[in-house]
Amino acid sequence: MSSSGIEAAQDAPAAESRRLYPIFCRGHSGGRVVCEAFIRNGIDMGLVARDRKDTEWFSPDDNPAVRRLVQGGFQYPELSAAEQTAWQRETVACIRNYAADEICGSGPFGWKMGVTLFMMPMVLDAFPRARVIHLVRDGRDVMLSRLDARMDFRSRLNRLAVFGDPDIERWRGRPLDRETVAAHRNEIEMQHWVTAVEFGLRCRTYGDRCIEVRYEDICRSPAAVFERIFDFLEVPFRADTKDWLDRSVTTDRIGKWRSLPAEELVPALAIGADLLKRLGYV
């Protein structure tokens, strides 16, 4: 953490006096169950969508400040210290506004919105007391959870989030249009997983301020994993939260990729092979 980050955080006493616990992940990686557990355990996540459990305030489609920060996140690690400080100040202002608009009380708070993963380094640098969750799921299963919102490539933000390049216009030699998406859907979804997870792995450089959690571990041992999570966050693990997890979390959605014919998976698995291996999924 840079000294400029400390200075930026000190400019936001109202927000920084409280613990900040955002959930970062590629969409459809199990963030819904984590967000619901946070809410049940007393962590304010703002106004969340009933089905997705996304914190609606952080929608980049509706919030220009969030959209700008997400777009800036890719360049941020390579910028000068002065440029990083400027981005940190924008991050502080954004989260201060969120806290003022949506968060009541004085307890810990956070949010869940997949695409804000790309804000993670700025959040960690701007808020020295923040602790973040990076949630990872097997890319072969994530690939099959169709994230239609990211498939409209008229949006530079979508191209950035999926490919890491806002200027990309072609895929496999074809223009990025509906026909190309239909023909290469699994490959594009896997590329999205690789782009997001590779970026998220940068949190490892922040040591004990970030915890990496696997969706599959949550499904198999929810109480044990959340005991680790809430111990990391220094938040008591409520008995009613544990009971809800035991009742609600199953392993039903692990390994659904196995239902597809092997030949359908070959092009997509070639894209994800290296990262799947590094993460121990293959």
C-alpha atoms as a PDB file:
ATOM      1  CA  MET A   1       0.000   0.000   0.000  1.00  0.00           C
ATOM      2  CA  SER A   2       1.383   3.392  -0.996  1.00  0.00           C
ATOM      3  CA  SER A   3       1.537   6.476   1.221  1.00  0.00           C
ATOM      4  CA  SER A   4      -0.692   8.198  -1.317  1.00  0.00           C
ATOM      5  CA  GLY A   5      -3.306   5.563  -0.602  1.00  0.00           C
ATOM      6  CA  ILE A   6      -3.203   6.377   3.083  1.00  0.00           C
ATOM      7  CA  GLU A   7      -3.557  10.055   2.301  1.00  0.00           C
ATOM      8  CA  ALA A   8      -6.522   9.412   0.018  1.00  0.00           C
ATOM      9  CA  ALA A   9      -8.269   7.329   2.645  1.00  0.00           C
ATOM     10  CA  GLN A  10      -7.774  10.000   5.270  1.00  0.00           C
ATOM     11  CA  ASP A  11      -9.846  12.304   3.099  1.00  0.00           C
ATOM     12  CA  ALA A  12     -12.886  10.095   3.712  1.00  0.00           C
ATOM     13  CA  PRO A  13     -13.367   9.764   7.494  1.00  0.00           C
ATOM     14  CA  ALA A  14     -17.099   9.009   7.197  1.00  0.00           C
ATOM     15  CA  ALA A  15     -16.527   5.971   5.002  1.00  0.00           C
ATOM     16  CA  GLU A  16     -13.136   4.883   6.275  1.00  0.00           C
ATOM     17  CA  SER A  17     -14.169   4.901   9.941  1.00  0.00           C
ATOM     18  CA  ARG A  18     -16.125   1.753   9.070  1.00  0.00           C
ATOM     19  CA  ARG A  19     -14.842  -1.571   7.818  1.00  0.00           C
ATOM     20  CA  LEU A  20     -15.180  -2.039   4.064  1.00  0.00           C
ATOM     21  CA  TYR A  21     -15.738  -5.593   2.790  1.00  0.00           C
ATOM     22  CA  PRO A  22     -16.526  -5.787  -0.951  1.00  0.00           C
ATOM     23  CA  ILE A  23     -16.995  -9.081  -2.802  1.00  0.00           C
ATOM     24  CA  PHE A  24     -15.018  -9.304  -6.040  1.00  0.00           C
ATOM     25  CA  CYS A  25     -15.551 -12.026  -8.639  1.00  0.00           C
ATOM     26  CA  ARG A  26     -16.326 -12.772 -12.252  1.00  0.00           C
ATOM     27  CA  GLY A  27     -20.098 -12.846 -12.587  1.00  0.00           C
ATOM     28  CA  HIS A  28     -21.796 -16.211 -11.975  1.00  0.00           C
ATOM     29  CA  SER A  29     -19.032 -17.379  -9.645  1.00  0.00           C
ATOM     30  CA  GLY A  30     -21.202 -17.806  -6.559  1.00  0.00           C
ATOM     31  CA  GLY A  31     -21.277 -14.223  -5.362  1.00  0.00           C
ATOM     32  CA  ARG A  32     -24.991 -14.431  -4.593  1.00  0.00           C
ATOM     33  CA  VAL A  33     -24.557 -16.875  -1.719  1.00  0.00           C
ATOM     34  CA  VAL A  34     -21.650 -14.866  -0.302  1.00  0.00           C
ATOM     35  CA  CYS A  35     -23.621 -11.609  -0.484  1.00  0.00           C
ATOM     36  CA  GLU A  36     -26.658 -13.178   1.190  1.00  0.00           C
ATOM     37  CA  ALA A  37     -24.462 -14.605   3.951  1.00  0.00           C
ATOM     38  CA  PHE A  38     -22.871 -11.190   4.474  1.00  0.00           C
ATOM     39  CA  ILE A  39     -26.272  -9.535   4.785  1.00  0.00           C
ATOM     40  CA  ARG A  40     -27.522 -12.171   7.222  1.00  0.00           C
ATOM     41  CA  ASN A  41     -24.340 -11.739   9.218  1.00  0.00           C
ATOM     42  CA  GLY A  42     -24.754  -7.982   9.682  1.00  0.00           C
ATOM     43  CA  ILE A  43     -22.672  -6.589   6.828  1.00  0.00           C
ATOM     44  CA  ASP A  44     -24.619  -3.885   4.983  1.00  0.00           C
ATOM     45  CA  MET A  45     -24.500  -4.505   1.217  1.00  0.00           C
ATOM     46  CA  GLY A  46     -26.772  -1.648   0.152  1.00  0.00           C
ATOM     47  CA  LEU A  47     -29.871  -2.186  -1.938  1.00  0.00           C
ATOM     48  CA  VAL A  48     -29.389  -5.514  -3.717  1.00  0.00           C
ATOM     49  CA  ALA A  49     -31.347  -7.044  -6.587  1.00  0.00           C
ATOM     50  CA  ARG A  50     -33.597  -9.826  -5.318  1.00  0.00           C
ATOM     51  CA  ASP A  51     -32.387 -12.448  -7.792  1.00  0.00           C
ATOM     52  CA  ARG A  52     -28.739 -11.603  -8.521  1.00  0.00           C
ATOM     53  CA  LYS A  53     -27.909 -10.031  -5.159  1.00  0.00           C
ATOM     54  CA  ASP A  54     -25.989  -7.344  -7.041  1.00  0.00           C
ATOM     55  CA  THR A  55     -25.687  -4.012  -5.255  1.00  0.00           C
ATOM     56  CA  GLU A  56     -27.612  -1.898  -7.722  1.00  0.00           C
ATOM     57  CA  TRP A  57     -25.834   1.366  -6.835  1.00  0.00           C
ATOM     58  CA  PHE A  58     -22.669  -0.067  -8.436  1.00  0.00           C
ATOM     59  CA  SER A  59     -24.228  -0.792 -11.822  1.00  0.00           C
ATOM     60  CA  PRO A  60     -21.878   0.813 -14.374  1.00  0.00           C
ATOM     61  CA  ASP A  61     -24.818   1.199 -16.734  1.00  0.00           C
ATOM     62  CA  ASP A  62     -26.494   3.554 -14.265  1.00  0.00           C
ATOM     63  CA  ASN A  63     -23.563   5.068 -12.393  1.00  0.00           C
ATOM     64  CA  PRO A  64     -21.012   6.989 -14.514  1.00  0.00           C
ATOM     65  CA  ALA A  65     -18.544   7.212 -11.618  1.00  0.00           C
ATOM     66  CA  VAL A  66     -18.453   3.429 -11.283  1.00  0.00           C
ATOM     67  CA  ARG A  67     -18.151   2.995 -15.042  1.00  0.00           C
ATOM     68  CA  ARG A  68     -15.183   5.358 -15.129  1.00  0.00           C
ATOM     69  CA  LEU A  69     -13.435   3.547 -12.269  1.00  0.00           C
ATOM     70  CA  VAL A  70     -13.977   0.128 -13.838  1.00  0.00           C
ATOM     71  CA  GLN A  71     -12.535   1.377 -17.121  1.00  0.00           C
ATOM     72  CA  GLY A  72      -9.605   2.996 -15.325  1.00  0.00           C
ATOM     73  CA  GLY A  73      -8.815  -0.117 -13.347  1.00  0.00           C
ATOM     74  CA  PHE A  74      -6.947  -1.824 -16.173  1.00  0.00           C
ATOM     75  CA  GLN A  75      -4.417   0.983 -16.550  1.00  0.00           C
ATOM     76  CA  TYR A  76      -4.124   1.768 -12.840  1.00  0.00           C
ATOM     77  CA  PRO A  77      -1.342  -0.692 -11.862  1.00  0.00           C
ATOM     78  CA  GLU A  78       0.988   0.674 -14.555  1.00  0.00           C
ATOM     79  CA  LEU A  79       0.455   4.365 -13.737  1.00  0.00           C
ATOM     80  CA  SER A  80       2.777   6.740 -11.908  1.00  0.00           C
ATOM     81  CA  ALA A  81       2.317   7.309  -8.181  1.00  0.00           C
ATOM     82  CA  ALA A  82       0.733  10.706  -8.818  1.00  0.00           C
ATOM     83  CA  GLU A  83      -1.713   9.250 -11.345  1.00  0.00           C
ATOM     84  CA  GLN A  84      -2.597   6.425  -8.974  1.00  0.00           C
ATOM     85  CA  THR A  85      -3.289   8.930  -6.215  1.00  0.00           C
ATOM     86  CA  ALA A  86      -5.743  10.733  -8.479  1.00  0.00           C
ATOM     87  CA  TRP A  87      -7.607   7.479  -9.131  1.00  0.00           C
ATOM     88  CA  GLN A  88      -7.597   6.671  -5.423  1.00  0.00           C
ATOM     89  CA  ARG A  89      -9.251  10.004  -4.692  1.00  0.00           C
ATOM     90  CA  GLU A  90     -11.962   9.238  -7.250  1.00  0.00           C
ATOM     91  CA  THR A  91     -12.444   5.847  -5.618  1.00  0.00           C
ATOM     92  CA  VAL A  92     -12.798   7.439  -2.192  1.00  0.00           C
ATOM     93  CA  ALA A  93     -15.361   9.915  -3.525  1.00  0.00           C
ATOM     94  CA  CYS A  94     -17.355   7.129  -5.176  1.00  0.00           C
ATOM     95  CA  ILE A  95     -17.498   4.941  -2.073  1.00  0.00           C
ATOM     96  CA  ARG A  96     -18.170   7.931   0.159  1.00  0.00           C
ATOM     97  CA  ASN A  97     -21.193   8.749  -2.015  1.00  0.00           C
ATOM     98  CA  TYR A  98     -22.351   5.130  -1.835  1.00  0.00           C
ATOM     99  CA  ALA A  99     -22.088   5.136   1.943  1.00  0.00           C
ATOM    100  CA  ALA A 100     -23.975   8.431   2.150  1.00  0.00           C
ATOM    101  CA  ASP A 101     -26.700   7.337  -0.277  1.00  0.00           C
ATOM    102  CA  GLU A 102     -27.392   3.773   0.821  1.00  0.00           C
ATOM    103  CA  ILE A 103     -25.671   2.756   4.044  1.00  0.00           C
ATOM    104  CA  CYS A 104     -27.218   3.380   7.446  1.00  0.00           C
ATOM    105  CA  GLY A 105     -25.782   2.697  10.859  1.00  0.00           C
ATOM    106  CA  SER A 106     -22.127   2.448  11.765  1.00  0.00           C
ATOM    107  CA  GLY A 107     -21.245  -1.196  11.122  1.00  0.00           C
ATOM    108  CA  PRO A 108     -19.250  -2.883   8.367  1.00  0.00           C
ATOM    109  CA  PHE A 109     -20.407  -2.495   4.780  1.00  0.00           C
ATOM    110  CA  GLY A 110     -19.567  -3.639   1.284  1.00  0.00           C
ATOM    111  CA  TRP A 111     -21.112  -4.400  -2.079  1.00  0.00           C
ATOM    112  CA  LYS A 112     -21.353  -7.100  -4.738  1.00  0.00           C
ATOM    113  CA  MET A 113     -21.176  -6.285  -8.458  1.00  0.00           C
ATOM    114  CA  GLY A 114     -19.048  -8.544 -10.652  1.00  0.00           C
ATOM    115  CA  VAL A 115     -17.572  -5.957 -12.985  1.00  0.00           C
ATOM    116  CA  THR A 116     -16.255  -3.857 -10.078  1.00  0.00           C
ATOM    117  CA  LEU A 117     -13.569  -6.541  -9.773  1.00  0.00           C
ATOM    118  CA  PHE A 118     -11.518  -4.225 -11.968  1.00  0.00           C
ATOM    119  CA  MET A 119     -11.663  -1.547  -9.253  1.00  0.00           C
ATOM    120  CA  MET A 120     -10.040  -3.840  -6.703  1.00  0.00           C
ATOM    121  CA  PRO A 121      -6.464  -2.442  -6.647  1.00  0.00           C
ATOM    122  CA  MET A 122      -7.791   1.124  -6.391  1.00  0.00           C
ATOM    123  CA  VAL A 123     -10.102   0.160  -3.522  1.00  0.00           C
ATOM    124  CA  LEU A 124      -7.326  -1.600  -1.619  1.00  0.00           C
ATOM    125  CA  ASP A 125      -4.895   1.274  -2.132  1.00  0.00           C
ATOM    126  CA  ALA A 126      -7.432   3.976  -1.281  1.00  0.00           C
ATOM    127  CA  PHE A 127      -8.854   2.247   1.805  1.00  0.00           C
ATOM    128  CA  PRO A 128      -6.049   0.822   3.937  1.00  0.00           C
ATOM    129  CA  ARG A 129      -8.488  -0.893   6.322  1.00  0.00           C
ATOM    130  CA  ALA A 130     -10.499  -2.605   3.587  1.00  0.00           C
ATOM    131  CA  ARG A 131     -10.498  -6.372   3.359  1.00  0.00           C
ATOM    132  CA  VAL A 132     -11.815  -8.001   0.232  1.00  0.00           C
ATOM    133  CA  ILE A 133     -13.143 -11.366  -0.856  1.00  0.00           C
ATOM    134  CA  HIS A 134     -11.970 -12.703  -4.220  1.00  0.00           C
ATOM    135  CA  LEU A 135     -14.327 -15.511  -5.167  1.00  0.00           C
ATOM    136  CA  VAL A 136     -13.157 -18.034  -7.772  1.00  0.00           C
ATOM    137  CA  ARG A 137     -15.133 -20.774  -9.513  1.00  0.00           C
ATOM    138  CA  ASP A 138     -14.189 -23.460 -12.035  1.00  0.00           C
ATOM    139  CA  GLY A 139     -14.135 -21.673 -15.375  1.00  0.00           C
ATOM    140  CA  ARG A 140     -15.752 -24.618 -17.134  1.00  0.00           C
ATOM    141  CA  ASP A 141     -18.895 -24.168 -15.041  1.00  0.00           C
ATOM    142  CA  VAL A 142     -18.774 -20.371 -15.179  1.00  0.00           C
ATOM    143  CA  MET A 143     -18.574 -20.638 -18.960  1.00  0.00           C
ATOM    144  CA  LEU A 144     -22.024 -22.247 -19.023  1.00  0.00           C
ATOM    145  CA  SER A 145     -23.666 -19.627 -16.791  1.00  0.00           C
ATOM    146  CA  ARG A 146     -24.598 -17.293 -19.591  1.00  0.00           C
ATOM    147  CA  LEU A 147     -23.872 -13.692 -18.676  1.00  0.00           C
ATOM    148  CA  ASP A 148     -25.891 -12.045 -21.426  1.00  0.00           C
ATOM    149  CA  ALA A 149     -25.246  -8.509 -20.178  1.00  0.00           C
ATOM    150  CA  ARG A 150     -21.630  -8.849 -21.293  1.00  0.00           C
ATOM    151  CA  MET A 151     -22.423 -10.154 -24.767  1.00  0.00           C
ATOM    152  CA  ASP A 152     -23.333  -6.787 -26.337  1.00  0.00           C
ATOM    153  CA  PHE A 153     -19.981  -5.714 -27.717  1.00  0.00           C
ATOM    154  CA  ARG A 154     -21.145  -2.337 -28.912  1.00  0.00           C
ATOM    155  CA  SER A 155     -20.097  -1.317 -25.398  1.00  0.00           C
ATOM    156  CA  ARG A 156     -16.417  -0.539 -24.848  1.00  0.00           C
ATOM    157  CA  LEU A 157     -16.855  -1.480 -21.200  1.00  0.00           C
ATOM    158  CA  ASN A 158     -18.093  -4.950 -22.136  1.00  0.00           C
ATOM    159  CA  ARG A 159     -15.198  -5.486 -24.525  1.00  0.00           C
ATOM    160  CA  LEU A 160     -12.821  -4.429 -21.778  1.00  0.00           C
ATOM    161  CA  ALA A 161     -14.394  -6.718 -19.168  1.00  0.00           C
ATOM    162  CA  VAL A 162     -14.466  -9.752 -21.453  1.00  0.00           C
ATOM    163  CA  PHE A 163     -11.285  -9.371 -23.513  1.00  0.00           C
ATOM    164  CA  GLY A 164      -9.231  -6.853 -21.538  1.00  0.00           C
ATOM    165  CA  ASP A 165      -9.229  -4.625 -24.624  1.00  0.00           C
ATOM    166  CA  PRO A 166     -11.908  -1.953 -25.221  1.00  0.00           C
ATOM    167  CA  ASP A 167     -10.858  -1.587 -28.855  1.00  0.00           C
ATOM    168  CA  ILE A 168     -11.169  -5.206 -29.959  1.00  0.00           C
ATOM    169  CA  GLU A 169     -13.512  -5.544 -32.931  1.00  0.00           C
ATOM    170  CA  ARG A 170     -13.003  -9.103 -34.184  1.00  0.00           C
ATOM    171  CA  TRP A 171     -12.908 -12.638 -32.764  1.00  0.00           C
ATOM    172  CA  ARG A 172     -11.564 -15.619 -34.688  1.00  0.00           C
ATOM    173  CA  GLY A 173     -11.328 -13.381 -37.745  1.00  0.00           C
ATOM    174  CA  ARG A 174     -14.995 -12.403 -37.572  1.00  0.00           C
ATOM    175  CA  PRO A 175     -16.620  -9.119 -36.492  1.00  0.00           C
ATOM    176  CA  LEU A 176     -17.924  -9.097 -32.924  1.00  0.00           C
ATOM    177  CA  ASP A 177     -21.598  -9.322 -33.769  1.00  0.00           C
ATOM    178  CA  ARG A 178     -24.498 -11.588 -32.767  1.00  0.00           C
ATOM    179  CA  GLU A 179     -23.552 -14.272 -35.257  1.00  0.00           C
ATOM    180  CA  THR A 180     -19.984 -14.455 -33.977  1.00  0.00           C
ATOM    181  CA  VAL A 181     -21.150 -14.611 -30.373  1.00  0.00           C
ATOM    182  CA  ALA A 182     -23.590 -17.408 -31.214  1.00  0.00           C
ATOM    183  CA  ALA A 183     -20.904 -19.390 -33.036  1.00  0.00           C
ATOM    184  CA  HIS A 184     -18.212 -18.954 -30.362  1.00  0.00           C
ATOM    185  CA  ARG A 185     -20.230 -18.518 -27.184  1.00  0.00           C
ATOM    186  CA  ASN A 186     -18.307 -20.964 -24.997  1.00  0.00           C
ATOM    187  CA  GLU A 187     -14.961 -19.584 -26.107  1.00  0.00           C
ATOM    188  CA  ILE A 188     -15.981 -15.992 -25.401  1.00  0.00           C
ATOM    189  CA  GLU A 189     -17.386 -16.910 -21.994  1.00  0.00           C
ATOM    190  CA  MET A 190     -14.151 -18.719 -21.142  1.00  0.00           C
ATOM    191  CA  GLN A 191     -12.123 -15.722 -22.288  1.00  0.00           C
ATOM    192  CA  HIS A 192     -14.229 -13.569 -19.981  1.00  0.00           C
ATOM    193  CA  TRP A 193     -13.428 -15.921 -17.092  1.00  0.00           C
ATOM    194  CA  VAL A 194      -9.695 -15.797 -17.858  1.00  0.00           C
ATOM    195  CA  THR A 195      -9.674 -11.998 -18.133  1.00  0.00           C
ATOM    196  CA  ALA A 196     -11.522 -11.503 -14.852  1.00  0.00           C
ATOM    197  CA  VAL A 197      -9.790 -14.157 -12.768  1.00  0.00           C
ATOM    198  CA  GLU A 198      -6.288 -13.213 -13.954  1.00  0.00           C
ATOM    199  CA  PHE A 199      -7.043  -9.644 -12.899  1.00  0.00           C
ATOM    200  CA  GLY A 200      -8.483 -10.787  -9.582  1.00  0.00           C
ATOM    201  CA  LEU A 201      -5.357 -12.780  -8.761  1.00  0.00           C
ATOM    202  CA  ARG A 202      -3.560  -9.453  -8.376  1.00  0.00           C
ATOM    203  CA  CYS A 203      -5.104  -9.289  -4.924  1.00  0.00           C
ATOM    204  CA  ARG A 204      -2.536 -11.880  -3.819  1.00  0.00           C
ATOM    205  CA  THR A 205       0.038  -9.121  -3.734  1.00  0.00           C
ATOM    206  CA  TYR A 206      -1.954  -7.445  -0.926  1.00  0.00           C
ATOM    207  CA  GLY A 207      -1.233 -10.246   1.527  1.00  0.00           C
ATOM    208  CA  ASP A 208      -3.625 -10.579   4.437  1.00  0.00           C
ATOM    209  CA  ARG A 209      -5.964  -7.867   3.167  1.00  0.00           C
ATOM    210  CA  CYS A 210      -7.505 -10.201   0.597  1.00  0.00           C
ATOM    211  CA  ILE A 211      -8.893 -13.696   0.966  1.00  0.00           C
ATOM    212  CA  GLU A 212      -9.299 -16.002  -2.013  1.00  0.00           C
ATOM    213  CA  VAL A 213     -12.261 -18.367  -1.720  1.00  0.00           C
ATOM    214  CA  ARG A 214     -13.425 -21.139  -4.040  1.00  0.00           C
ATOM    215  CA  TYR A 215     -17.094 -21.527  -4.801  1.00  0.00           C
ATOM    216  CA  GLU A 216     -16.681 -25.302  -4.761  1.00  0.00           C
ATOM    217  CA  ASP A 217     -15.304 -25.208  -1.207  1.00  0.00           C
ATOM    218  CA  ILE A 218     -18.306 -23.147  -0.103  1.00  0.00           C
ATOM    219  CA  CYS A 219     -20.662 -25.713  -1.626  1.00  0.00           C
ATOM    220  CA  ARG A 220     -18.925 -28.664   0.030  1.00  0.00           C
ATOM    221  CA  SER A 221     -18.226 -27.162   3.462  1.00  0.00           C
ATOM    222  CA  PRO A 222     -20.194 -23.907   3.844  1.00  0.00           C
ATOM    223  CA  ALA A 223     -19.883 -23.536   7.609  1.00  0.00           C
ATOM    224  CA  ALA A 224     -16.149 -24.192   7.659  1.00  0.00           C
ATOM    225  CA  VAL A 225     -15.442 -21.812   4.777  1.00  0.00           C
ATOM    226  CA  PHE A 226     -17.551 -18.992   6.207  1.00  0.00           C
ATOM    227  CA  GLU A 227     -15.987 -19.447   9.609  1.00  0.00           C
ATOM    228  CA  ARG A 228     -12.684 -18.733   7.858  1.00  0.00           C
ATOM    229  CA  ILE A 229     -14.186 -15.770   5.960  1.00  0.00           C
ATOM    230  CA  PHE A 230     -15.760 -14.106   8.979  1.00  0.00           C
ATOM    231  CA  ASP A 231     -12.647 -14.723  11.067  1.00  0.00           C
ATOM    232  CA  PHE A 232     -10.671 -12.964   8.318  1.00  0.00           C
ATOM    233  CA  LEU A 233     -13.135 -10.062   8.393  1.00  0.00           C
ATOM    234  CA  GLU A 234     -13.136 -10.011  12.206  1.00  0.00           C
ATOM    235  CA  VAL A 235     -16.927 -10.349  12.220  1.00  0.00           C
ATOM    236  CA  PRO A 236     -18.660 -12.837  14.561  1.00  0.00           C
ATOM    237  CA  PHE A 237     -20.230 -15.778  12.727  1.00  0.00           C
ATOM    238  CA  ARG A 238     -23.879 -15.720  13.706  1.00  0.00           C
ATOM    239  CA  ALA A 239     -25.615 -18.997  14.466  1.00  0.00           C
ATOM    240  CA  ASP A 240     -28.602 -18.123  12.282  1.00  0.00           C
ATOM    241  CA  THR A 241     -26.254 -17.405   9.344  1.00  0.00           C
ATOM    242  CA  LYS A 242     -24.654 -20.812   9.812  1.00  0.00           C
ATOM    243  CA  ASP A 243     -28.077 -22.465   9.930  1.00  0.00           C
ATOM    244  CA  TRP A 244     -29.118 -20.722   6.714  1.00  0.00           C
ATOM    245  CA  LEU A 245     -25.942 -21.866   4.958  1.00  0.00           C
ATOM    246  CA  ASP A 246     -26.436 -25.452   6.086  1.00  0.00           C
ATOM    247  CA  ARG A 247     -29.998 -25.406   4.743  1.00  0.00           C
ATOM    248  CA  SER A 248     -29.393 -23.516   1.504  1.00  0.00           C
ATOM    249  CA  VAL A 249     -26.014 -24.424   0.027  1.00  0.00           C
ATOM    250  CA  THR A 250     -25.669 -27.560  -2.100  1.00  0.00           C
ATOM    251  CA  THR A 251     -23.191 -29.115  -4.519  1.00  0.00           C
ATOM    252  CA  ASP A 252     -25.779 -29.415  -7.312  1.00  0.00           C
ATOM    253  CA  ARG A 253     -24.139 -26.876  -9.620  1.00  0.00           C
ATOM    254  CA  ILE A 254     -20.591 -28.208  -9.425  1.00  0.00           C
ATOM    255  CA  GLY A 255     -19.357 -29.963 -12.573  1.00  0.00           C
ATOM    256  CA  LYS A 256     -22.293 -29.157 -14.812  1.00  0.00           C
ATOM    257  CA  TRP A 257     -19.840 -28.722 -17.692  1.00  0.00           C
ATOM    258  CA  ARG A 258     -19.503 -32.505 -17.788  1.00  0.00           C
ATOM    259  CA  SER A 259     -22.961 -32.741 -19.363  1.00  0.00           C
ATOM    260  CA  LEU A 260     -21.671 -31.304 -22.660  1.00  0.00           C
ATOM    261  CA  PRO A 261     -20.103 -33.428 -25.396  1.00  0.00           C
ATOM    262  CA  ALA A 262     -16.323 -33.309 -25.062  1.00  0.00           C
ATOM    263  CA  GLU A 263     -15.837 -32.044 -28.614  1.00  0.00           C
ATOM    264  CA  GLU A 264     -17.937 -28.952 -27.848  1.00  0.00           C
ATOM    265  CA  LEU A 265     -15.571 -27.984 -25.067  1.00  0.00           C
ATOM    266  CA  VAL A 266     -12.252 -28.297 -26.879  1.00  0.00           C
ATOM    267  CA  PRO A 267     -11.889 -24.718 -28.251  1.00  0.00           C
ATOM    268  CA  ALA A 268     -12.970 -23.102 -24.980  1.00  0.00           C
ATOM    269  CA  LEU A 269     -10.808 -25.354 -22.824  1.00  0.00           C
ATOM    270  CA  ALA A 270      -7.797 -24.432 -24.931  1.00  0.00           C
ATOM    271  CA  ILE A 271      -8.333 -20.821 -23.855  1.00  0.00           C
ATOM    272  CA  GLY A 272      -8.703 -21.634 -20.170  1.00  0.00           C
ATOM    273  CA  ALA A 273      -6.268 -24.546 -19.910  1.00  0.00           C
ATOM    274  CA  ASP A 274      -3.326 -22.720 -18.356  1.00  0.00           C
ATOM    275  CA  LEU A 275      -5.357 -20.897 -15.707  1.00  0.00           C
ATOM    276  CA  LEU A 276      -7.464 -23.960 -14.889  1.00  0.00           C
ATOM    277  CA  LYS A 277      -4.236 -25.880 -14.294  1.00  0.00           C
ATOM    278  CA  ARG A 278      -2.635 -23.140 -12.182  1.00  0.00           C
ATOM    279  CA  LEU A 279      -5.738 -22.992  -9.987  1.00  0.00           C
ATOM    280  CA  GLY A 280      -5.811 -26.779  -9.583  1.00  0.00           C
ATOM    281  CA  TYR A 281      -9.049 -27.434 -11.455  1.00  0.00           C
ATOM    282  CA  VAL A 282      -7.342 -29.836 -13.872  1.00  0.00           C
END
